[in-house]
Amino acid sequence: MKVTDRQKRNFLKSLKQARVDSGFTQKEVAERIGTSQSFISKIESGILSLEVEIFLKMYQLYGKPAGFFFSAYSGK
């Protein structure tokens, strides 16, 4: 199954929205998960690929249901 550019953009958009909804800056997220602000910025902008370990840390931090992030893949 191919992941479209639109699905990637929607996923990254939901990742950023989850951060904003949770009231975190990129710097705060970076400090909490043990990385740099520039790394978070590059992930949110699609410059770097998101590793599973980093996503799981963000997922736990943001407290959003999994469907929030993956609705781009179900056509919603």
PDB file of N, CA and C in Angstrom:
ATOM      1  N   MET A   1       0.836  -1.174   0.000  1.00  0.00           N
ATOM      2  CA  MET A   1       0.000   0.000   0.000  1.00  0.00           C
ATOM      3  C   MET A   1       0.884   1.241   0.000  1.00  0.00           C
ATOM      4  N   LYS A   2       0.590   2.145  -0.894  1.00  0.00           N
ATOM      5  CA  LYS A   2       1.377   3.366  -1.027  1.00  0.00           C
ATOM      6  C   LYS A   2       0.798   4.471  -0.140  1.00  0.00           C
ATOM      7  N   VAL A   3       1.682   5.192   0.525  1.00  0.00           N
ATOM      8  CA  VAL A   3       1.290   6.358   1.306  1.00  0.00           C
ATOM      9  C   VAL A   3       1.443   7.577   0.407  1.00  0.00           C
ATOM     10  N   THR A   4       0.373   8.325   0.256  1.00  0.00           N
ATOM     11  CA  THR A   4       0.408   9.483  -0.638  1.00  0.00           C
ATOM     12  C   THR A   4       1.033  10.696   0.058  1.00  0.00           C
ATOM     13  N   ASP A   5       1.447  11.657  -0.748  1.00  0.00           N
ATOM     14  CA  ASP A   5       1.992  12.901  -0.196  1.00  0.00           C
ATOM     15  C   ASP A   5       0.945  13.609   0.662  1.00  0.00           C
ATOM     16  N   ARG A   6      -0.292  13.547   0.229  1.00  0.00           N
ATOM     17  CA  ARG A   6      -1.374  14.168   0.994  1.00  0.00           C
ATOM     18  C   ARG A   6      -1.519  13.523   2.369  1.00  0.00           C
ATOM     19  N   GLN A   7      -1.441  12.207   2.425  1.00  0.00           N
ATOM     20  CA  GLN A   7      -1.528  11.509   3.704  1.00  0.00           C
ATOM     21  C   GLN A   7      -0.366  11.893   4.614  1.00  0.00           C
ATOM     22  N   LYS A   8       0.821  11.996   4.041  1.00  0.00           N
ATOM     23  CA  LYS A   8       1.986  12.415   4.838  1.00  0.00           C
ATOM     24  C   LYS A   8       1.780  13.813   5.398  1.00  0.00           C
ATOM     25  N   ARG A   9       1.333  14.741   4.538  1.00  0.00           N
ATOM     26  CA  ARG A   9       1.096  16.121   4.986  1.00  0.00           C
ATOM     27  C   ARG A   9       0.036  16.165   6.086  1.00  0.00           C
ATOM     28  N   ASN A  10      -1.033  15.400   5.911  1.00  0.00           N
ATOM     29  CA  ASN A  10      -2.096  15.376   6.918  1.00  0.00           C
ATOM     30  C   ASN A  10      -1.605  14.809   8.242  1.00  0.00           C
ATOM     31  N   PHE A  11      -0.777  13.781   8.172  1.00  0.00           N
ATOM     32  CA  PHE A  11      -0.226  13.204   9.401  1.00  0.00           C
ATOM     33  C   PHE A  11       0.643  14.227  10.121  1.00  0.00           C
ATOM     34  N   LEU A  12       1.523  14.889   9.378  1.00  0.00           N
ATOM     35  CA  LEU A  12       2.410  15.884   9.983  1.00  0.00           C
ATOM     36  C   LEU A  12       1.613  17.058  10.545  1.00  0.00           C
ATOM     37  N   LYS A  13       0.554  17.414   9.854  1.00  0.00           N
ATOM     38  CA  LYS A  13      -0.325  18.484  10.328  1.00  0.00           C
ATOM     39  C   LYS A  13      -0.975  18.080  11.654  1.00  0.00           C
ATOM     40  N   SER A  14      -1.412  16.828  11.746  1.00  0.00           N
ATOM     41  CA  SER A  14      -2.034  16.356  12.987  1.00  0.00           C
ATOM     42  C   SER A  14      -1.013  16.276  14.117  1.00  0.00           C
ATOM     43  N   LEU A  15       0.216  15.941  13.792  1.00  0.00           N
ATOM     44  CA  LEU A  15       1.275  15.884  14.797  1.00  0.00           C
ATOM     45  C   LEU A  15       1.513  17.271  15.392  1.00  0.00           C
ATOM     46  N   LYS A  16       1.609  18.261  14.524  1.00  0.00           N
ATOM     47  CA  LYS A  16       1.800  19.639  14.992  1.00  0.00           C
ATOM     48  C   LYS A  16       0.575  20.112  15.767  1.00  0.00           C
ATOM     49  N   GLN A  17      -0.627  19.809  15.268  1.00  0.00           N
ATOM     50  CA  GLN A  17      -1.849  20.234  15.943  1.00  0.00           C
ATOM     51  C   GLN A  17      -1.949  19.628  17.335  1.00  0.00           C
ATOM     52  N   ALA A  18      -1.536  18.379  17.487  1.00  0.00           N
ATOM     53  CA  ALA A  18      -1.559  17.729  18.797  1.00  0.00           C
ATOM     54  C   ALA A  18      -0.635  18.463  19.768  1.00  0.00           C
ATOM     55  N   ARG A  19       0.515  18.877  19.278  1.00  0.00           N
ATOM     56  CA  ARG A  19       1.458  19.629  20.124  1.00  0.00           C
ATOM     57  C   ARG A  19       0.835  20.952  20.558  1.00  0.00           C
ATOM     58  N   VAL A  20       0.287  21.678  19.601  1.00  0.00           N
ATOM     59  CA  VAL A  20      -0.323  22.977  19.893  1.00  0.00           C
ATOM     60  C   VAL A  20      -1.511  22.810  20.851  1.00  0.00           C
ATOM     61  N   ASP A  21      -2.373  21.839  20.582  1.00  0.00           N
ATOM     62  CA  ASP A  21      -3.532  21.577  21.447  1.00  0.00           C
ATOM     63  C   ASP A  21      -3.107  21.259  22.877  1.00  0.00           C
ATOM     64  N   SER A  22      -1.952  20.616  23.009  1.00  0.00           N
ATOM     65  CA  SER A  22      -1.452  20.226  24.324  1.00  0.00           C
ATOM     66  C   SER A  22      -0.744  21.370  25.037  1.00  0.00           C
ATOM     67  N   GLY A  23      -0.560  22.487  24.331  1.00  0.00           N
ATOM     68  CA  GLY A  23       0.046  23.668  24.940  1.00  0.00           C
ATOM     69  C   GLY A  23       1.558  23.660  25.013  1.00  0.00           C
ATOM     70  N   PHE A  24       2.188  22.819  24.198  1.00  0.00           N
ATOM     71  CA  PHE A  24       3.645  22.721  24.209  1.00  0.00           C
ATOM     72  C   PHE A  24       4.270  23.497  23.059  1.00  0.00           C
ATOM     73  N   THR A  25       5.438  24.066  23.324  1.00  0.00           N
ATOM     74  CA  THR A  25       6.269  24.597  22.246  1.00  0.00           C
ATOM     75  C   THR A  25       7.146  23.461  21.745  1.00  0.00           C
ATOM     76  N   GLN A  26       7.768  23.664  20.605  1.00  0.00           N
ATOM     77  CA  GLN A  26       8.702  22.650  20.098  1.00  0.00           C
ATOM     78  C   GLN A  26       9.836  22.435  21.095  1.00  0.00           C
ATOM     79  N   LYS A  27      10.299  23.506  21.699  1.00  0.00           N
ATOM     80  CA  LYS A  27      11.395  23.404  22.671  1.00  0.00           C
ATOM     81  C   LYS A  27      10.983  22.568  23.883  1.00  0.00           C
ATOM     82  N   GLU A  28       9.769  22.777  24.380  1.00  0.00           N
ATOM     83  CA  GLU A  28       9.289  22.012  25.531  1.00  0.00           C
ATOM     84  C   GLU A  28       9.164  20.529  25.201  1.00  0.00           C
ATOM     85  N   VAL A  29       8.654  20.230  24.018  1.00  0.00           N
ATOM     86  CA  VAL A  29       8.547  18.828  23.595  1.00  0.00           C
ATOM     87  C   VAL A  29       9.937  18.212  23.523  1.00  0.00           C
ATOM     88  N   ALA A  30      10.856  18.922  22.901  1.00  0.00           N
ATOM     89  CA  ALA A  30      12.225  18.425  22.758  1.00  0.00           C
ATOM     90  C   ALA A  30      12.842  18.111  24.115  1.00  0.00           C
ATOM     91  N   GLU A  31      12.669  19.010  25.067  1.00  0.00           N
ATOM     92  CA  GLU A  31      13.224  18.794  26.408  1.00  0.00           C
ATOM     93  C   GLU A  31      12.606  17.573  27.080  1.00  0.00           C
ATOM     94  N   ARG A  32      11.318  17.401  26.910  1.00  0.00           N
ATOM     95  CA  ARG A  32      10.627  16.288  27.569  1.00  0.00           C
ATOM     96  C   ARG A  32      10.946  14.928  26.959  1.00  0.00           C
ATOM     97  N   ILE A  33      11.239  14.896  25.659  1.00  0.00           N
ATOM     98  CA  ILE A  33      11.514  13.595  25.040  1.00  0.00           C
ATOM     99  C   ILE A  33      12.996  13.369  24.756  1.00  0.00           C
ATOM    100  N   GLY A  34      13.825  14.347  25.112  1.00  0.00           N
ATOM    101  CA  GLY A  34      15.269  14.157  25.013  1.00  0.00           C
ATOM    102  C   GLY A  34      15.870  14.381  23.641  1.00  0.00           C
ATOM    103  N   THR A  35      15.440  15.434  22.979  1.00  0.00           N
ATOM    104  CA  THR A  35      16.000  15.764  21.672  1.00  0.00           C
ATOM    105  C   THR A  35      16.098  17.283  21.559  1.00  0.00           C
ATOM    106  N   SER A  36      16.333  17.801  20.371  1.00  0.00           N
ATOM    107  CA  SER A  36      16.476  19.249  20.198  1.00  0.00           C
ATOM    108  C   SER A  36      15.232  19.858  19.546  1.00  0.00           C
ATOM    109  N   GLN A  37      15.074  21.158  19.736  1.00  0.00           N
ATOM    110  CA  GLN A  37      13.960  21.875  19.119  1.00  0.00           C
ATOM    111  C   GLN A  37      14.045  21.794  17.609  1.00  0.00           C
ATOM    112  N   SER A  38      15.251  21.898  17.064  1.00  0.00           N
ATOM    113  CA  SER A  38      15.397  21.845  15.601  1.00  0.00           C
ATOM    114  C   SER A  38      14.999  20.475  15.058  1.00  0.00           C
ATOM    115  N   PHE A  39      15.234  19.427  15.827  1.00  0.00           N
ATOM    116  CA  PHE A  39      14.829  18.077  15.429  1.00  0.00           C
ATOM    117  C   PHE A  39      13.302  17.992  15.340  1.00  0.00           C
ATOM    118  N   ILE A  40      12.612  18.537  16.344  1.00  0.00           N
ATOM    119  CA  ILE A  40      11.144  18.543  16.338  1.00  0.00           C
ATOM    120  C   ILE A  40      10.634  19.344  15.149  1.00  0.00           C
ATOM    121  N   SER A  41      11.241  20.482  14.892  1.00  0.00           N
ATOM    122  CA  SER A  41      10.855  21.323  13.758  1.00  0.00           C
ATOM    123  C   SER A  41      11.012  20.576  12.440  1.00  0.00           C
ATOM    124  N   LYS A  42      12.116  19.870  12.283  1.00  0.00           N
ATOM    125  CA  LYS A  42      12.371  19.130  11.043  1.00  0.00           C
ATOM    126  C   LYS A  42      11.394  17.969  10.869  1.00  0.00           C
ATOM    127  N   ILE A  43      10.993  17.350  11.959  1.00  0.00           N
ATOM    128  CA  ILE A  43       9.987  16.283  11.875  1.00  0.00           C
ATOM    129  C   ILE A  43       8.646  16.873  11.453  1.00  0.00           C
ATOM    130  N   GLU A  44       8.218  17.941  12.133  1.00  0.00           N
ATOM    131  CA  GLU A  44       6.918  18.543  11.827  1.00  0.00           C
ATOM    132  C   GLU A  44       6.842  19.093  10.409  1.00  0.00           C
ATOM    133  N   SER A  45       7.976  19.494   9.864  1.00  0.00           N
ATOM    134  CA  SER A  45       7.979  20.038   8.499  1.00  0.00           C
ATOM    135  C   SER A  45       8.234  18.969   7.443  1.00  0.00           C
ATOM    136  N   GLY A  46       8.493  17.737   7.865  1.00  0.00           N
ATOM    137  CA  GLY A  46       8.689  16.645   6.920  1.00  0.00           C
ATOM    138  C   GLY A  46      10.096  16.517   6.383  1.00  0.00           C
ATOM    139  N   ILE A  47      11.027  17.280   6.922  1.00  0.00           N
ATOM    140  CA  ILE A  47      12.423  17.196   6.477  1.00  0.00           C
ATOM    141  C   ILE A  47      13.053  15.892   6.954  1.00  0.00           C
ATOM    142  N   LEU A  48      12.726  15.495   8.177  1.00  0.00           N
ATOM    143  CA  LEU A  48      13.213  14.231   8.729  1.00  0.00           C
ATOM    144  C   LEU A  48      12.054  13.257   8.886  1.00  0.00           C
ATOM    145  N   SER A  49      12.351  11.989   8.733  1.00  0.00           N
ATOM    146  CA  SER A  49      11.343  10.952   8.966  1.00  0.00           C
ATOM    147  C   SER A  49      11.174  10.749  10.466  1.00  0.00           C
ATOM    148  N   LEU A  50       9.975  10.448  10.854  1.00  0.00           N
ATOM    149  CA  LEU A  50       9.650  10.241  12.257  1.00  0.00           C
ATOM    150  C   LEU A  50       9.910   8.789  12.637  1.00  0.00           C
ATOM    151  N   GLU A  51      10.804   8.591  13.590  1.00  0.00           N
ATOM    152  CA  GLU A  51      11.094   7.241  14.079  1.00  0.00           C
ATOM    153  C   GLU A  51       9.987   6.814  15.040  1.00  0.00           C
ATOM    154  N   VAL A  52       9.736   5.534  15.089  1.00  0.00           N
ATOM    155  CA  VAL A  52       8.669   4.996  15.936  1.00  0.00           C
ATOM    156  C   VAL A  52       8.878   5.393  17.396  1.00  0.00           C
ATOM    157  N   GLU A  53      10.087   5.282  17.891  1.00  0.00           N
ATOM    158  CA  GLU A  53      10.368   5.606  19.296  1.00  0.00           C
ATOM    159  C   GLU A  53      10.005   7.059  19.615  1.00  0.00           C
ATOM    160  N   ILE A  54      10.353   7.972  18.719  1.00  0.00           N
ATOM    161  CA  ILE A  54      10.040   9.385  18.924  1.00  0.00           C
ATOM    162  C   ILE A  54       8.526   9.605  18.853  1.00  0.00           C
ATOM    163  N   PHE A  55       7.873   8.969  17.883  1.00  0.00           N
ATOM    164  CA  PHE A  55       6.417   9.116  17.789  1.00  0.00           C
ATOM    165  C   PHE A  55       5.738   8.622  19.061  1.00  0.00           C
ATOM    166  N   LEU A  56       6.163   7.490  19.580  1.00  0.00           N
ATOM    167  CA  LEU A  56       5.533   6.950  20.787  1.00  0.00           C
ATOM    168  C   LEU A  56       5.703   7.893  21.972  1.00  0.00           C
ATOM    169  N   LYS A  57       6.857   8.535  22.072  1.00  0.00           N
ATOM    170  CA  LYS A  57       7.071   9.517  23.142  1.00  0.00           C
ATOM    171  C   LYS A  57       6.140  10.714  22.966  1.00  0.00           C
ATOM    172  N   MET A  58       6.003  11.182  21.732  1.00  0.00           N
ATOM    173  CA  MET A  58       5.105  12.309  21.455  1.00  0.00           C
ATOM    174  C   MET A  58       3.654  11.907  21.733  1.00  0.00           C
ATOM    175  N   TYR A  59       3.286  10.737  21.287  1.00  0.00           N
ATOM    176  CA  TYR A  59       1.932  10.211  21.486  1.00  0.00           C
ATOM    177  C   TYR A  59       1.579  10.200  22.975  1.00  0.00           C
ATOM    178  N   GLN A  60       2.482   9.710  23.798  1.00  0.00           N
ATOM    179  CA  GLN A  60       2.244   9.668  25.240  1.00  0.00           C
ATOM    180  C   GLN A  60       2.169  11.074  25.831  1.00  0.00           C
ATOM    181  N   LEU A  61       3.028  11.952  25.369  1.00  0.00           N
ATOM    182  CA  LEU A  61       3.073  13.320  25.880  1.00  0.00           C
ATOM    183  C   LEU A  61       1.809  14.099  25.533  1.00  0.00           C
ATOM    184  N   TYR A  62       1.336  13.958  24.306  1.00  0.00           N
ATOM    185  CA  TYR A  62       0.194  14.740  23.842  1.00  0.00           C
ATOM    186  C   TYR A  62      -1.144  14.212  24.343  1.00  0.00           C
ATOM    187  N   GLY A  63      -1.224  12.930  24.628  1.00  0.00           N
ATOM    188  CA  GLY A  63      -2.452  12.361  25.172  1.00  0.00           C
ATOM    189  C   GLY A  63      -3.634  12.311  24.212  1.00  0.00           C
ATOM    190  N   LYS A  64      -3.357  12.306  22.931  1.00  0.00           N
ATOM    191  CA  LYS A  64      -4.423  12.220  21.921  1.00  0.00           C
ATOM    192  C   LYS A  64      -4.678  10.749  21.586  1.00  0.00           C
ATOM    193  N   PRO A  65      -5.913  10.408  21.186  1.00  0.00           N
ATOM    194  CA  PRO A  65      -6.165   9.030  20.751  1.00  0.00           C
ATOM    195  C   PRO A  65      -5.429   8.748  19.437  1.00  0.00           C
ATOM    196  N   ALA A  66      -5.087   7.501  19.215  1.00  0.00           N
ATOM    197  CA  ALA A  66      -4.336   7.124  18.008  1.00  0.00           C
ATOM    198  C   ALA A  66      -5.045   7.575  16.739  1.00  0.00           C
ATOM    199  N   GLY A  67      -6.364   7.506  16.730  1.00  0.00           N
ATOM    200  CA  GLY A  67      -7.130   7.911  15.558  1.00  0.00           C
ATOM    201  C   GLY A  67      -6.908   9.357  15.156  1.00  0.00           C
ATOM    202  N   PHE A  68      -6.555  10.199  16.112  1.00  0.00           N
ATOM    203  CA  PHE A  68      -6.278  11.605  15.816  1.00  0.00           C
ATOM    204  C   PHE A  68      -5.139  11.722  14.806  1.00  0.00           C
ATOM    205  N   PHE A  69      -4.130  10.894  14.954  1.00  0.00           N
ATOM    206  CA  PHE A  69      -2.956  10.956  14.090  1.00  0.00           C
ATOM    207  C   PHE A  69      -3.156  10.216  12.775  1.00  0.00           C
ATOM    208  N   PHE A  70      -3.959   9.175  12.798  1.00  0.00           N
ATOM    209  CA  PHE A  70      -4.061   8.304  11.634  1.00  0.00           C
ATOM    210  C   PHE A  70      -5.330   8.490  10.811  1.00  0.00           C
ATOM    211  N   SER A  71      -6.113   9.506  11.109  1.00  0.00           N
ATOM    212  CA  SER A  71      -7.325   9.747  10.324  1.00  0.00           C
ATOM    213  C   SER A  71      -6.992  10.052   8.864  1.00  0.00           C
ATOM    214  N   ALA A  72      -5.795  10.542   8.590  1.00  0.00           N
ATOM    215  CA  ALA A  72      -5.371  10.831   7.207  1.00  0.00           C
ATOM    216  C   ALA A  72      -5.356   9.569   6.354  1.00  0.00           C
ATOM    217  N   TYR A  73      -5.171   8.424   6.990  1.00  0.00           N
ATOM    218  CA  TYR A  73      -5.073   7.166   6.251  1.00  0.00           C
ATOM    219  C   TYR A  73      -6.421   6.497   6.041  1.00  0.00           C
ATOM    220  N   SER A  74      -7.436   6.963   6.761  1.00  0.00           N
ATOM    221  CA  SER A  74      -8.754   6.342   6.614  1.00  0.00           C
ATOM    222  C   SER A  74      -9.678   7.163   5.723  1.00  0.00           C
ATOM    223  N   GLY A  75      -9.120   8.222   5.145  1.00  0.00           N
ATOM    224  CA  GLY A  75      -9.897   9.036   4.231  1.00  0.00           C
ATOM    225  C   GLY A  75     -10.757  10.084   4.899  1.00  0.00           C
ATOM    226  N   LYS A  76     -10.583  10.300   6.187  1.00  0.00           N
ATOM    227  CA  LYS A  76     -11.373  11.301   6.918  1.00  0.00           C
ATOM    228  C   LYS A  76     -10.784  12.675   6.743  1.00  0.00           C
TER     229      LYS A  76
END
